[in-house]
N, C-alpha and C. Protein backbone atom coordinates (compact mmCIF):
# COMPACT_ATOMS: atom_id res chain seq x y z
N MET A 1 67.78 5.22 -4.34
CA MET A 1 69.21 4.82 -5.58
C MET A 1 69.92 4.56 -5.12
N ILE A 2 70.81 4.00 -5.51
CA ILE A 2 72.49 3.35 -4.98
C ILE A 2 73.27 2.98 -6.26
N CYS A 3 74.29 4.37 -6.44
CA CYS A 3 75.26 4.29 -7.55
C CYS A 3 76.62 4.05 -7.21
N LYS A 4 77.83 3.04 -7.43
CA LYS A 4 79.50 3.08 -6.99
C LYS A 4 80.69 4.42 -7.93
N SER A 5 81.06 4.23 -7.06
CA SER A 5 82.45 5.34 -8.06
C SER A 5 82.53 4.41 -9.27
N GLY A 6 82.90 5.30 -10.02
CA GLY A 6 83.57 5.30 -11.62
C GLY A 6 82.21 4.36 -12.43
N THR A 7 80.82 4.56 -12.19
CA THR A 7 80.46 3.93 -12.42
C THR A 7 79.29 5.07 -13.44
N ARG A 8 78.03 5.08 -14.87
CA ARG A 8 77.57 6.12 -14.85
C ARG A 8 76.56 6.94 -14.25
N CYS A 9 76.19 8.03 -13.91
CA CYS A 9 75.07 8.50 -13.12
C CYS A 9 73.68 8.33 -13.70
N PRO A 10 72.50 7.54 -12.80
CA PRO A 10 71.77 7.03 -13.52
C PRO A 10 70.07 8.09 -13.38
N GLU A 11 70.49 9.45 -12.61
CA GLU A 11 69.51 10.17 -12.74
C GLU A 11 70.21 11.30 -11.97
N SER A 12 69.95 12.49 -12.85
CA SER A 12 71.03 13.76 -11.78
C SER A 12 69.83 14.21 -10.72
N GLY A 13 70.86 14.81 -9.76
CA GLY A 13 70.60 14.68 -8.36
C GLY A 13 71.58 15.05 -7.43
N MET A 14 70.97 14.89 -6.43
CA MET A 14 71.49 15.66 -5.05
C MET A 14 72.10 13.85 -4.48
N TRP A 15 73.41 14.04 -4.71
CA TRP A 15 73.66 12.17 -4.06
C TRP A 15 74.21 12.29 -3.21
N GLN A 16 74.41 11.55 -1.59
CA GLN A 16 74.92 11.59 -0.51
C GLN A 16 75.85 10.27 -0.57
N ASN A 17 77.50 10.04 -0.10
CA ASN A 17 77.86 8.94 0.06
C ASN A 17 77.25 8.28 1.10
N ILE A 18 78.07 6.97 0.72
CA ILE A 18 77.17 5.76 2.15
C ILE A 18 78.62 5.69 2.99
N ASP A 19 79.13 6.51 3.79
CA ASP A 19 80.57 6.07 4.70
C ASP A 19 80.09 6.77 5.90
N PHE A 20 81.24 6.41 6.92
CA PHE A 20 81.59 7.13 8.36
C PHE A 20 81.16 8.92 8.30
N PHE A 21 81.84 9.42 7.45
CA PHE A 21 82.20 10.81 7.21
C PHE A 21 81.04 10.95 5.46
N THR A 22 80.10 11.64 5.50
CA THR A 22 79.58 12.11 4.72
C THR A 22 79.85 13.08 3.52
N THR A 23 79.07 13.35 2.23
CA THR A 23 79.16 14.66 1.67
C THR A 23 77.52 14.26 0.61
N THR A 24 77.44 15.62 0.30
CA THR A 24 76.77 15.47 -0.74
C THR A 24 76.94 15.96 -1.69
N ILE A 25 76.73 15.80 -2.94
CA ILE A 25 77.37 16.53 -4.70
C ILE A 25 76.05 16.79 -5.35
N LEU A 26 76.31 17.13 -6.16
CA LEU A 26 75.49 17.11 -7.79
C LEU A 26 75.90 16.26 -8.87
N VAL A 27 75.28 15.82 -9.46
CA VAL A 27 75.72 15.09 -10.52
C VAL A 27 74.41 14.95 -11.35
N ALA A 28 75.23 15.27 -12.60
CA ALA A 28 74.28 15.10 -13.81
C ALA A 28 74.66 13.52 -14.24
N LYS A 29 72.88 13.60 -15.14
CA LYS A 29 72.98 12.18 -15.76
C LYS A 29 73.92 11.32 -16.97
N GLY A 30 74.75 10.72 -16.77
CA GLY A 30 75.32 10.26 -17.63
C GLY A 30 77.23 10.46 -17.20
N ASN A 31 76.98 11.65 -16.23
CA ASN A 31 78.26 11.88 -15.77
C ASN A 31 79.01 10.23 -14.94
N LYS A 32 80.09 10.46 -14.49
CA LYS A 32 80.86 9.30 -14.30
C LYS A 32 80.84 10.21 -12.30
N MET A 33 80.08 8.90 -11.60
CA MET A 33 80.37 9.18 -9.94
C MET A 33 81.83 9.01 -9.41
N PRO A 34 81.83 10.11 -8.82
CA PRO A 34 83.54 10.30 -8.32
C PRO A 34 83.75 9.32 -7.27
N GLU A 35 84.60 9.72 -6.73
CA GLU A 35 85.21 8.48 -5.67
C GLU A 35 85.30 9.89 -4.81
N TYR A 36 85.43 9.45 -3.08
CA TYR A 36 85.75 10.34 -1.96
C TYR A 36 86.37 10.21 -1.56
N CYS A 37 87.41 11.18 -1.42
CA CYS A 37 88.68 11.26 -0.31
C CYS A 37 89.42 9.90 -1.27
N GLY A 38 89.85 9.76 -2.13
CA GLY A 38 90.67 9.10 -2.65
C GLY A 38 90.04 7.92 -2.61
N LYS A 39 89.01 7.49 -2.34
CA LYS A 39 88.45 6.04 -2.83
C LYS A 39 87.13 5.72 -3.22
N LYS A 40 86.97 4.82 -3.70
CA LYS A 40 85.34 4.10 -4.03
C LYS A 40 84.66 4.11 -3.46
N VAL A 41 83.26 4.86 -3.51
CA VAL A 41 82.60 5.09 -2.61
C VAL A 41 80.66 4.15 -2.83
N SER A 42 80.43 4.17 -2.30
CA SER A 42 78.96 3.93 -2.96
C SER A 42 78.31 5.49 -2.52
N TRP A 43 76.78 5.78 -3.30
CA TRP A 43 76.56 6.56 -3.56
C TRP A 43 75.04 6.97 -3.52
N LYS A 44 74.13 7.13 -2.52
CA LYS A 44 72.94 7.37 -2.34
C LYS A 44 71.94 8.85 -3.18
N LEU A 45 71.27 8.37 -3.82
CA LEU A 45 70.31 9.39 -4.39
C LEU A 45 69.14 10.05 -3.60
N ILE A 46 69.59 10.97 -2.80
CA ILE A 46 68.78 11.93 -2.18
C ILE A 46 67.37 12.29 -2.27
N TYR A 47 68.34 13.48 -3.39
CA TYR A 47 66.83 13.98 -4.60
C TYR A 47 66.93 14.36 -5.59
N LYS A 48 66.00 14.32 -6.59
CA LYS A 48 66.23 14.39 -8.23
C LYS A 48 66.49 15.77 -8.59
N ALA A 49 67.16 16.07 -9.43
CA ALA A 49 67.31 17.77 -10.09
C ALA A 49 66.46 17.32 -10.99
């Protein structure tokens, strides 16, 4: 599952950004997906929480 910065999170869980430098974050369903280092990125669901 892929979600972009600024959209609502469709599933609670651990998300990893798709970029050269990556990070992982916990996001709850319904929260807005964050930007990374000040730019919009795509986030990939690693596992559901």
